[in-house]
N, C-alpha and C. Protein backbone atom coordinates (compact mmCIF):
# COMPACT_ATOMS: atom_id res chain seq x y z
N MET A 1 0.79 -1.15 0.00
CA MET A 1 0.00 0.00 0.00
C MET A 1 0.86 1.26 0.00
N GLU A 2 1.85 1.12 0.76
CA GLU A 2 2.80 2.21 0.81
C GLU A 2 3.36 2.46 -0.58
N GLU A 3 3.65 1.40 -1.27
CA GLU A 3 4.21 1.51 -2.61
C GLU A 3 3.19 2.15 -3.54
N SER A 4 1.98 1.79 -3.42
CA SER A 4 0.96 2.35 -4.28
C SER A 4 0.73 3.82 -3.95
N LYS A 5 0.88 4.17 -2.68
CA LYS A 5 0.78 5.55 -2.29
C LYS A 5 1.91 6.36 -2.92
N GLN A 6 3.04 5.77 -2.89
CA GLN A 6 4.21 6.45 -3.44
C GLN A 6 4.03 6.61 -4.96
N GLN A 7 3.53 5.59 -5.61
CA GLN A 7 3.31 5.68 -7.05
C GLN A 7 2.25 6.74 -7.37
N ASN A 8 1.24 6.75 -6.56
CA ASN A 8 0.19 7.76 -6.76
C ASN A 8 0.74 9.17 -6.56
N GLN A 9 1.58 9.29 -5.55
CA GLN A 9 2.18 10.60 -5.29
C GLN A 9 3.07 11.02 -6.46
N GLU A 10 3.81 10.08 -7.02
CA GLU A 10 4.68 10.39 -8.16
C GLU A 10 3.84 10.81 -9.36
N ILE A 11 2.73 10.11 -9.55
CA ILE A 11 1.84 10.45 -10.67
C ILE A 11 1.26 11.83 -10.45
N ILE A 12 0.89 12.12 -9.21
CA ILE A 12 0.33 13.43 -8.89
C ILE A 12 1.39 14.50 -9.11
N ASP A 13 2.61 14.23 -8.67
CA ASP A 13 3.70 15.20 -8.85
C ASP A 13 3.97 15.46 -10.33
N GLU A 14 3.99 14.35 -11.09
CA GLU A 14 4.23 14.51 -12.53
C GLU A 14 3.10 15.32 -13.18
N THR A 15 1.88 15.05 -12.79
CA THR A 15 0.74 15.78 -13.32
C THR A 15 0.82 17.25 -12.94
N ASN A 16 1.18 17.53 -11.72
CA ASN A 16 1.33 18.91 -11.27
C ASN A 16 2.43 19.62 -12.07
N GLU A 17 3.53 18.91 -12.30
CA GLU A 17 4.62 19.50 -13.09
C GLU A 17 4.16 19.77 -14.51
N GLU A 18 3.42 18.83 -15.08
CA GLU A 18 2.92 19.03 -16.44
C GLU A 18 1.94 20.21 -16.49
N ASN A 19 1.08 20.27 -15.47
CA ASN A 19 0.13 21.39 -15.40
C ASN A 19 0.86 22.72 -15.23
N GLN A 20 1.90 22.67 -14.38
CA GLN A 20 2.67 23.89 -14.16
C GLN A 20 3.38 24.31 -15.45
N THR A 21 3.93 23.35 -16.17
CA THR A 21 4.59 23.65 -17.44
C THR A 21 3.59 24.18 -18.45
N ALA A 22 2.41 23.58 -18.50
CA ALA A 22 1.37 24.05 -19.41
C ALA A 22 0.94 25.47 -19.04
N ASP A 23 0.81 25.74 -17.74
CA ASP A 23 0.44 27.09 -17.29
C ASP A 23 1.52 28.10 -17.69
N GLU A 24 2.78 27.69 -17.51
CA GLU A 24 3.89 28.58 -17.89
C GLU A 24 3.88 28.84 -19.40
N GLU A 25 3.59 27.80 -20.20
CA GLU A 25 3.54 27.97 -21.65
C GLU A 25 2.40 28.92 -22.05
N VAL A 26 1.25 28.78 -21.39
CA VAL A 26 0.11 29.67 -21.65
C VAL A 26 0.50 31.10 -21.29
N GLU A 27 1.17 31.25 -20.14
CA GLU A 27 1.59 32.56 -19.70
C GLU A 27 2.58 33.18 -20.69
N VAL A 28 3.54 32.40 -21.18
CA VAL A 28 4.53 32.88 -22.16
C VAL A 28 3.83 33.26 -23.46
N ALA A 29 2.87 32.44 -23.88
CA ALA A 29 2.14 32.73 -25.11
C ALA A 29 1.36 34.05 -24.97
N GLU A 30 0.74 34.26 -23.81
CA GLU A 30 0.01 35.50 -23.57
C GLU A 30 0.96 36.70 -23.57
N GLU A 31 2.12 36.55 -22.94
CA GLU A 31 3.11 37.62 -22.92
C GLU A 31 3.61 37.92 -24.34
N ASN A 32 3.85 36.87 -25.13
CA ASN A 32 4.27 37.07 -26.53
C ASN A 32 3.20 37.79 -27.33
N SER A 33 1.95 37.43 -27.09
CA SER A 33 0.84 38.08 -27.78
C SER A 33 0.78 39.56 -27.41
N GLU A 34 0.93 39.87 -26.11
CA GLU A 34 0.94 41.26 -25.66
C GLU A 34 2.12 42.02 -26.26
N LEU A 35 3.28 41.37 -26.30
CA LEU A 35 4.48 41.97 -26.86
C LEU A 35 4.27 42.29 -28.34
N GLU A 36 3.69 41.35 -29.07
CA GLU A 36 3.42 41.55 -30.50
C GLU A 36 2.43 42.70 -30.70
N GLN A 37 1.42 42.77 -29.86
CA GLN A 37 0.43 43.85 -29.94
C GLN A 37 1.10 45.20 -29.67
N LEU A 38 1.98 45.26 -28.68
CA LEU A 38 2.69 46.49 -28.37
C LEU A 38 3.60 46.91 -29.53
N ARG A 39 4.23 45.95 -30.17
CA ARG A 39 5.08 46.25 -31.33
C ARG A 39 4.25 46.84 -32.47
N GLU A 40 3.08 46.25 -32.73
CA GLU A 40 2.20 46.76 -33.78
C GLU A 40 1.73 48.18 -33.47
N GLU A 41 1.36 48.42 -32.21
CA GLU A 41 0.93 49.76 -31.82
C GLU A 41 2.06 50.77 -31.99
N LYS A 42 3.28 50.36 -31.62
CA LYS A 42 4.45 51.24 -31.77
C LYS A 42 4.68 51.55 -33.25
N GLU A 43 4.58 50.54 -34.10
CA GLU A 43 4.80 50.74 -35.54
C GLU A 43 3.73 51.67 -36.12
N GLU A 44 2.47 51.50 -35.72
CA GLU A 44 1.40 52.38 -36.17
C GLU A 44 1.65 53.82 -35.74
N ALA A 45 2.09 54.00 -34.50
CA ALA A 45 2.38 55.35 -34.01
C ALA A 45 3.53 55.98 -34.79
N GLN A 46 4.55 55.21 -35.09
CA GLN A 46 5.67 55.73 -35.88
C GLN A 46 5.21 56.11 -37.29
N ASN A 47 4.38 55.28 -37.90
CA ASN A 47 3.88 55.60 -39.23
C ASN A 47 3.03 56.87 -39.22
N ARG A 48 2.18 57.03 -38.20
CA ARG A 48 1.39 58.25 -38.08
C ARG A 48 2.29 59.46 -37.93
N LEU A 49 3.32 59.32 -37.11
CA LEU A 49 4.27 60.43 -36.91
C LEU A 49 4.96 60.78 -38.22
N LEU A 50 5.41 59.81 -38.98
CA LEU A 50 6.07 60.07 -40.26
C LEU A 50 5.12 60.76 -41.23
N ARG A 51 3.86 60.30 -41.30
CA ARG A 51 2.89 60.94 -42.18
C ARG A 51 2.63 62.38 -41.76
N LEU A 52 2.51 62.62 -40.46
CA LEU A 52 2.29 63.99 -39.97
C LEU A 52 3.49 64.89 -40.30
N GLN A 53 4.69 64.36 -40.15
CA GLN A 53 5.87 65.15 -40.50
C GLN A 53 5.89 65.47 -42.00
N ALA A 54 5.55 64.49 -42.83
CA ALA A 54 5.52 64.72 -44.28
C ALA A 54 4.43 65.73 -44.64
N ASP A 55 3.26 65.62 -44.02
CA ASP A 55 2.19 66.58 -44.28
C ASP A 55 2.62 68.00 -43.88
N TYR A 56 3.29 68.10 -42.74
CA TYR A 56 3.75 69.42 -42.28
C TYR A 56 4.78 69.99 -43.25
N ASP A 57 5.73 69.16 -43.69
CA ASP A 57 6.74 69.63 -44.64
C ASP A 57 6.08 70.09 -45.94
N ASN A 58 5.12 69.32 -46.44
CA ASN A 58 4.41 69.71 -47.66
C ASN A 58 3.66 71.03 -47.46
N PHE A 59 3.01 71.18 -46.33
CA PHE A 59 2.29 72.42 -46.02
C PHE A 59 3.24 73.60 -45.97
N ARG A 60 4.38 73.42 -45.31
CA ARG A 60 5.37 74.50 -45.19
C ARG A 60 5.90 74.90 -46.57
N ARG A 61 6.23 73.91 -47.43
CA ARG A 61 6.72 74.21 -48.77
C ARG A 61 5.66 74.93 -49.61
N ARG A 62 4.42 74.45 -49.52
CA ARG A 62 3.33 75.05 -50.29
C ARG A 62 3.10 76.50 -49.87
N THR A 63 3.07 76.77 -48.58
CA THR A 63 2.85 78.14 -48.13
C THR A 63 4.04 79.03 -48.49
N GLN A 64 5.24 78.48 -48.48
CA GLN A 64 6.41 79.27 -48.87
C GLN A 64 6.32 79.64 -50.35
N LYS A 65 5.92 78.69 -51.20
CA LYS A 65 5.75 78.98 -52.63
C LYS A 65 4.67 80.03 -52.84
N GLU A 66 3.58 79.93 -52.09
CA GLU A 66 2.50 80.91 -52.22
C GLU A 66 2.97 82.29 -51.80
N ARG A 67 3.76 82.37 -50.72
CA ARG A 67 4.29 83.67 -50.30
C ARG A 67 5.23 84.25 -51.34
N GLU A 68 6.07 83.39 -51.93
CA GLU A 68 6.98 83.86 -52.98
C GLU A 68 6.20 84.37 -54.19
N ALA A 69 5.16 83.64 -54.59
CA ALA A 69 4.33 84.08 -55.71
C ALA A 69 3.63 85.39 -55.38
N ASP A 70 3.15 85.52 -54.15
CA ASP A 70 2.50 86.77 -53.74
C ASP A 70 3.47 87.94 -53.84
N ARG A 71 4.71 87.73 -53.36
CA ARG A 71 5.71 88.79 -53.44
C ARG A 71 6.07 89.10 -54.88
N LYS A 72 6.20 88.04 -55.69
CA LYS A 72 6.64 88.21 -57.07
C LYS A 72 5.60 88.95 -57.90
N TYR A 73 4.34 88.69 -57.63
CA TYR A 73 3.26 89.27 -58.44
C TYR A 73 2.39 90.26 -57.64
N LYS A 74 2.95 90.82 -56.57
CA LYS A 74 2.17 91.71 -55.72
C LYS A 74 1.65 92.93 -56.46
N SER A 75 2.40 93.38 -57.46
CA SER A 75 2.02 94.61 -58.16
C SER A 75 1.24 94.34 -59.45
N GLN A 76 0.79 93.11 -59.66
CA GLN A 76 0.12 92.76 -60.91
C GLN A 76 -1.12 93.61 -61.16
N SER A 77 -1.97 93.76 -60.18
CA SER A 77 -3.21 94.53 -60.41
C SER A 77 -2.90 95.99 -60.71
N LEU A 78 -1.90 96.55 -60.04
CA LEU A 78 -1.50 97.92 -60.32
C LEU A 78 -0.94 98.05 -61.74
N VAL A 79 -0.12 97.10 -62.13
CA VAL A 79 0.47 97.11 -63.47
C VAL A 79 -0.63 97.02 -64.53
N GLU A 80 -1.62 96.17 -64.29
CA GLU A 80 -2.73 96.04 -65.25
C GLU A 80 -3.47 97.36 -65.42
N GLU A 81 -3.54 98.15 -64.36
CA GLU A 81 -4.21 99.45 -64.43
C GLU A 81 -3.32 100.50 -65.11
N LEU A 82 -2.00 100.37 -64.96
CA LEU A 82 -1.09 101.39 -65.48
C LEU A 82 -0.69 101.18 -66.94
N ILE A 83 -0.85 99.99 -67.47
CA ILE A 83 -0.46 99.73 -68.86
C ILE A 83 -1.25 100.63 -69.84
N PRO A 84 -2.55 100.80 -69.69
CA PRO A 84 -3.25 101.74 -70.59
C PRO A 84 -2.72 103.18 -70.47
N VAL A 85 -2.25 103.55 -69.28
CA VAL A 85 -1.66 104.88 -69.11
C VAL A 85 -0.39 104.98 -69.96
N MET A 86 0.41 103.90 -69.96
CA MET A 86 1.62 103.87 -70.81
C MET A 86 1.23 104.05 -72.27
N ASP A 87 0.19 103.34 -72.69
CA ASP A 87 -0.27 103.46 -74.09
C ASP A 87 -0.64 104.90 -74.41
N ASN A 88 -1.33 105.55 -73.52
CA ASN A 88 -1.74 106.94 -73.75
C ASN A 88 -0.54 107.88 -73.79
N PHE A 89 0.43 107.64 -72.92
CA PHE A 89 1.67 108.43 -72.98
C PHE A 89 2.33 108.29 -74.35
N GLU A 90 2.43 107.06 -74.83
CA GLU A 90 3.08 106.81 -76.12
C GLU A 90 2.31 107.49 -77.26
N ARG A 91 1.00 107.45 -77.22
CA ARG A 91 0.20 108.13 -78.24
C ARG A 91 0.40 109.64 -78.17
N ALA A 92 0.47 110.17 -76.97
CA ALA A 92 0.67 111.61 -76.79
C ALA A 92 2.03 112.03 -77.33
N LEU A 93 3.02 111.18 -77.17
CA LEU A 93 4.37 111.52 -77.64
C LEU A 93 4.49 111.41 -79.16
N GLN A 94 3.56 110.77 -79.82
CA GLN A 94 3.61 110.64 -81.27
C GLN A 94 3.02 111.86 -81.99
N VAL A 95 2.36 112.71 -81.26
CA VAL A 95 1.75 113.90 -81.85
C VAL A 95 2.85 114.90 -82.20
N GLU A 96 2.76 115.46 -83.41
CA GLU A 96 3.74 116.46 -83.83
C GLU A 96 3.34 117.82 -83.27
N VAL A 97 4.35 118.56 -82.81
CA VAL A 97 4.08 119.88 -82.23
C VAL A 97 4.90 120.94 -82.97
N ASP A 98 4.39 122.16 -82.93
CA ASP A 98 5.15 123.26 -83.50
C ASP A 98 5.18 124.39 -82.47
N GLY A 99 6.28 124.99 -82.42
CA GLY A 99 6.47 126.06 -81.45
C GLY A 99 7.38 125.61 -80.33
N GLU A 100 8.14 126.58 -79.82
CA GLU A 100 9.12 126.27 -78.79
C GLU A 100 8.46 125.86 -77.48
N SER A 101 7.39 126.52 -77.11
CA SER A 101 6.72 126.18 -75.85
C SER A 101 6.11 124.79 -75.91
N SER A 102 5.59 124.40 -77.05
CA SER A 102 5.02 123.06 -77.21
C SER A 102 6.11 122.00 -77.13
N GLU A 103 7.28 122.30 -77.71
CA GLU A 103 8.39 121.35 -77.66
C GLU A 103 8.86 121.15 -76.23
N LYS A 104 8.91 122.21 -75.45
CA LYS A 104 9.32 122.09 -74.04
C LYS A 104 8.29 121.27 -73.26
N PHE A 105 7.03 121.47 -73.59
CA PHE A 105 5.98 120.68 -72.94
C PHE A 105 6.16 119.20 -73.27
N VAL A 106 6.43 118.89 -74.54
CA VAL A 106 6.63 117.50 -74.97
C VAL A 106 7.87 116.91 -74.29
N GLU A 107 8.92 117.72 -74.13
CA GLU A 107 10.12 117.25 -73.42
C GLU A 107 9.77 116.85 -72.00
N GLY A 108 8.97 117.66 -71.34
CA GLY A 108 8.52 117.34 -69.97
C GLY A 108 7.73 116.05 -69.94
N ILE A 109 6.85 115.87 -70.91
CA ILE A 109 6.05 114.65 -70.99
C ILE A 109 6.98 113.44 -71.21
N LYS A 110 8.01 113.60 -72.06
CA LYS A 110 8.96 112.51 -72.30
C LYS A 110 9.69 112.13 -71.02
N MET A 111 10.06 113.13 -70.24
CA MET A 111 10.75 112.86 -68.98
C MET A 111 9.84 112.08 -68.02
N VAL A 112 8.59 112.51 -67.93
CA VAL A 112 7.64 111.80 -67.07
C VAL A 112 7.44 110.38 -67.57
N TYR A 113 7.32 110.22 -68.89
CA TYR A 113 7.15 108.89 -69.50
C TYR A 113 8.35 107.99 -69.18
N GLN A 114 9.56 108.51 -69.32
CA GLN A 114 10.75 107.71 -69.04
C GLN A 114 10.83 107.31 -67.57
N GLN A 115 10.48 108.23 -66.70
CA GLN A 115 10.48 107.92 -65.27
C GLN A 115 9.43 106.86 -64.96
N PHE A 116 8.26 107.00 -65.55
CA PHE A 116 7.18 106.04 -65.38
C PHE A 116 7.60 104.66 -65.90
N HIS A 117 8.23 104.66 -67.06
CA HIS A 117 8.69 103.42 -67.69
C HIS A 117 9.75 102.73 -66.81
N SER A 118 10.70 103.50 -66.28
CA SER A 118 11.76 102.89 -65.46
C SER A 118 11.19 102.38 -64.12
N ALA A 119 10.17 103.07 -63.59
CA ALA A 119 9.54 102.58 -62.35
C ALA A 119 8.87 101.23 -62.59
N LEU A 120 8.21 101.07 -63.74
CA LEU A 120 7.59 99.78 -64.06
C LEU A 120 8.65 98.70 -64.27
N GLU A 121 9.76 99.07 -64.89
CA GLU A 121 10.84 98.09 -65.09
C GLU A 121 11.41 97.61 -63.76
N LYS A 122 11.51 98.52 -62.79
CA LYS A 122 12.01 98.14 -61.46
C LYS A 122 11.09 97.12 -60.79
N GLU A 123 9.81 97.20 -61.11
CA GLU A 123 8.84 96.24 -60.55
C GLU A 123 8.84 94.92 -61.31
N GLY A 124 9.61 94.83 -62.39
CA GLY A 124 9.69 93.58 -63.15
C GLY A 124 8.85 93.57 -64.41
N VAL A 125 8.31 94.73 -64.80
CA VAL A 125 7.50 94.81 -66.02
C VAL A 125 8.43 94.99 -67.21
N GLU A 126 8.20 94.21 -68.26
CA GLU A 126 8.98 94.36 -69.49
C GLU A 126 8.07 94.22 -70.69
N GLU A 127 8.47 94.88 -71.76
CA GLU A 127 7.70 94.79 -73.00
C GLU A 127 8.00 93.45 -73.65
N ILE A 128 6.98 92.89 -74.31
CA ILE A 128 7.16 91.64 -75.03
C ILE A 128 7.64 91.97 -76.44
N PRO A 129 8.82 91.47 -76.82
CA PRO A 129 9.29 91.76 -78.18
C PRO A 129 8.39 91.06 -79.19
N SER A 130 8.11 91.76 -80.32
CA SER A 130 7.21 91.12 -81.27
C SER A 130 7.63 91.31 -82.72
N LYS A 131 7.90 92.51 -83.18
CA LYS A 131 8.17 92.73 -84.60
C LYS A 131 9.43 91.97 -85.02
N GLY A 132 9.26 91.14 -86.06
CA GLY A 132 10.37 90.33 -86.56
C GLY A 132 10.55 89.02 -85.82
N GLU A 133 9.79 88.81 -84.76
CA GLU A 133 9.87 87.57 -83.97
C GLU A 133 8.91 86.54 -84.54
N GLU A 134 9.17 85.28 -84.22
CA GLU A 134 8.23 84.23 -84.62
C GLU A 134 6.97 84.36 -83.75
N PHE A 135 5.81 84.16 -84.36
CA PHE A 135 4.54 84.27 -83.64
C PHE A 135 4.48 83.22 -82.54
N ASP A 136 4.18 83.65 -81.33
CA ASP A 136 4.02 82.77 -80.18
C ASP A 136 2.65 83.06 -79.57
N PRO A 137 1.72 82.12 -79.63
CA PRO A 137 0.36 82.39 -79.12
C PRO A 137 0.32 82.69 -77.62
N HIS A 138 1.38 82.35 -76.90
CA HIS A 138 1.42 82.66 -75.47
C HIS A 138 1.80 84.12 -75.23
N LEU A 139 2.47 84.73 -76.21
CA LEU A 139 2.94 86.10 -76.05
C LEU A 139 2.23 87.09 -76.98
N HIS A 140 1.70 86.59 -78.09
CA HIS A 140 1.12 87.46 -79.11
C HIS A 140 -0.34 87.10 -79.36
N GLN A 141 -1.09 88.13 -79.71
CA GLN A 141 -2.48 87.93 -80.12
C GLN A 141 -2.57 88.39 -81.57
N ALA A 142 -2.76 87.44 -82.48
CA ALA A 142 -2.83 87.77 -83.91
C ALA A 142 -4.21 88.34 -84.21
N VAL A 143 -4.23 89.58 -84.71
CA VAL A 143 -5.50 90.20 -85.07
C VAL A 143 -5.64 90.33 -86.59
N MET A 144 -4.51 90.16 -87.31
CA MET A 144 -4.54 90.22 -88.77
C MET A 144 -3.48 89.28 -89.32
N GLN A 145 -3.75 88.80 -90.55
CA GLN A 145 -2.75 88.03 -91.29
C GLN A 145 -2.54 88.71 -92.63
N VAL A 146 -1.29 88.81 -93.03
CA VAL A 146 -0.95 89.44 -94.31
C VAL A 146 0.02 88.53 -95.06
N GLU A 147 0.15 88.82 -96.35
CA GLU A 147 1.15 88.11 -97.14
C GLU A 147 2.21 89.12 -97.54
N ASP A 148 3.39 88.96 -96.99
CA ASP A 148 4.49 89.88 -97.27
C ASP A 148 5.71 89.03 -97.61
N GLU A 149 6.25 89.24 -98.79
CA GLU A 149 7.39 88.45 -99.25
C GLU A 149 8.67 88.81 -98.50
N ASN A 150 8.70 89.92 -97.81
CA ASN A 150 9.89 90.33 -97.07
C ASN A 150 10.06 89.56 -95.76
N PHE A 151 9.01 88.84 -95.32
CA PHE A 151 9.05 88.11 -94.06
C PHE A 151 8.78 86.64 -94.31
N ASP A 152 9.36 85.79 -93.46
CA ASP A 152 9.08 84.35 -93.52
C ASP A 152 7.67 84.09 -92.97
N SER A 153 7.23 82.88 -93.18
CA SER A 153 5.92 82.48 -92.69
C SER A 153 5.91 82.47 -91.16
N ASN A 154 4.79 82.86 -90.59
CA ASN A 154 4.56 82.84 -89.15
C ASN A 154 5.45 83.82 -88.39
N ILE A 155 5.86 84.89 -89.05
CA ILE A 155 6.68 85.94 -88.43
C ILE A 155 5.80 87.17 -88.23
N VAL A 156 5.99 87.85 -87.09
CA VAL A 156 5.22 89.06 -86.79
C VAL A 156 5.73 90.18 -87.69
N VAL A 157 4.81 90.75 -88.46
CA VAL A 157 5.13 91.81 -89.41
C VAL A 157 5.03 93.19 -88.75
N GLU A 158 4.01 93.36 -87.92
CA GLU A 158 3.78 94.67 -87.32
C GLU A 158 3.15 94.49 -85.94
N GLU A 159 3.54 95.38 -85.03
CA GLU A 159 2.97 95.39 -83.69
C GLU A 159 1.91 96.48 -83.64
N LEU A 160 0.67 96.09 -83.36
CA LEU A 160 -0.42 97.06 -83.29
C LEU A 160 -0.59 97.62 -81.89
N GLN A 161 -0.30 96.78 -80.88
CA GLN A 161 -0.36 97.23 -79.48
C GLN A 161 0.70 96.46 -78.71
N LYS A 162 1.46 97.16 -77.89
CA LYS A 162 2.53 96.51 -77.13
C LYS A 162 1.95 95.51 -76.13
N GLY A 163 2.73 94.47 -75.93
CA GLY A 163 2.39 93.49 -74.90
C GLY A 163 3.36 93.63 -73.74
N TYR A 164 2.91 93.25 -72.56
CA TYR A 164 3.74 93.38 -71.36
C TYR A 164 3.67 92.09 -70.54
N ARG A 165 4.77 91.85 -69.83
CA ARG A 165 4.78 90.75 -68.86
C ARG A 165 5.39 91.25 -67.56
N LEU A 166 4.93 90.65 -66.49
CA LEU A 166 5.44 90.94 -65.16
C LEU A 166 6.23 89.72 -64.73
N ASN A 167 7.53 89.90 -64.60
CA ASN A 167 8.46 88.80 -64.35
C ASN A 167 8.29 87.76 -65.46
N ASP A 168 7.70 86.63 -65.19
CA ASP A 168 7.53 85.63 -66.26
C ASP A 168 6.05 85.42 -66.63
N ARG A 169 5.16 86.24 -66.10
CA ARG A 169 3.72 86.11 -66.36
C ARG A 169 3.28 87.18 -67.36
N VAL A 170 2.58 86.75 -68.40
CA VAL A 170 2.08 87.69 -69.40
C VAL A 170 0.90 88.45 -68.81
N ILE A 171 1.03 89.79 -68.82
CA ILE A 171 -0.04 90.64 -68.32
C ILE A 171 -1.00 90.98 -69.46
N ARG A 172 -0.41 91.32 -70.60
CA ARG A 172 -1.21 91.61 -71.79
C ARG A 172 -0.40 91.15 -73.00
N PRO A 173 -0.98 90.26 -73.83
CA PRO A 173 -0.24 89.83 -75.03
C PRO A 173 -0.18 90.98 -76.05
N ALA A 174 0.86 90.96 -76.86
CA ALA A 174 1.00 91.99 -77.90
C ALA A 174 0.02 91.68 -79.02
N MET A 175 -0.68 92.71 -79.50
CA MET A 175 -1.57 92.56 -80.66
C MET A 175 -0.73 92.78 -81.90
N VAL A 176 -0.75 91.78 -82.81
CA VAL A 176 0.18 91.82 -83.93
C VAL A 176 -0.48 91.40 -85.27
N LYS A 177 0.21 91.78 -86.36
CA LYS A 177 -0.08 91.28 -87.70
C LYS A 177 0.95 90.20 -87.97
N VAL A 178 0.47 89.07 -88.49
CA VAL A 178 1.37 87.93 -88.74
C VAL A 178 1.39 87.60 -90.21
N ASN A 179 2.58 87.27 -90.71
CA ASN A 179 2.72 86.86 -92.10
C ASN A 179 2.26 85.42 -92.25
N GLN A 180 1.53 85.15 -93.33
CA GLN A 180 1.03 83.77 -93.54
C GLN A 180 2.13 82.84 -93.92
């Protein structure tokens, strides 16, 4: 009986050890599962952080470009209003005058025109070259076509109205006659 008790005790001990090992394995599996979940959460947080940093960088670059464009073209509306004034100055200077007092008046107008012209140039306004140039629909507005043997095909023969650009943006295309 004693022997059977001892055998029973050994069986119980072995069963307890197996149960304890199984419990430890379950515990390790649970810890591994928690560890894996924490790793996934960490990776998700890092990805969110990277996306937020990229979004912020894109936002910063976009706003910087917008500020540069605003500075570059800040005077566009003013230039659009002043271009007709330039046209009128040029027409006024084409009028022939007689008499010394009229000539002095025209000289004064020329000085004002030159000062006005240089002020616009300082702001980045420039005339679009046209006569003798190849027709470019981005820079020229063809209002007439002529046949002139002195010019090649698709060449601007005459400028009817000056065109202007502000930095690299066309404010008003030049109105031109183009050779066919």
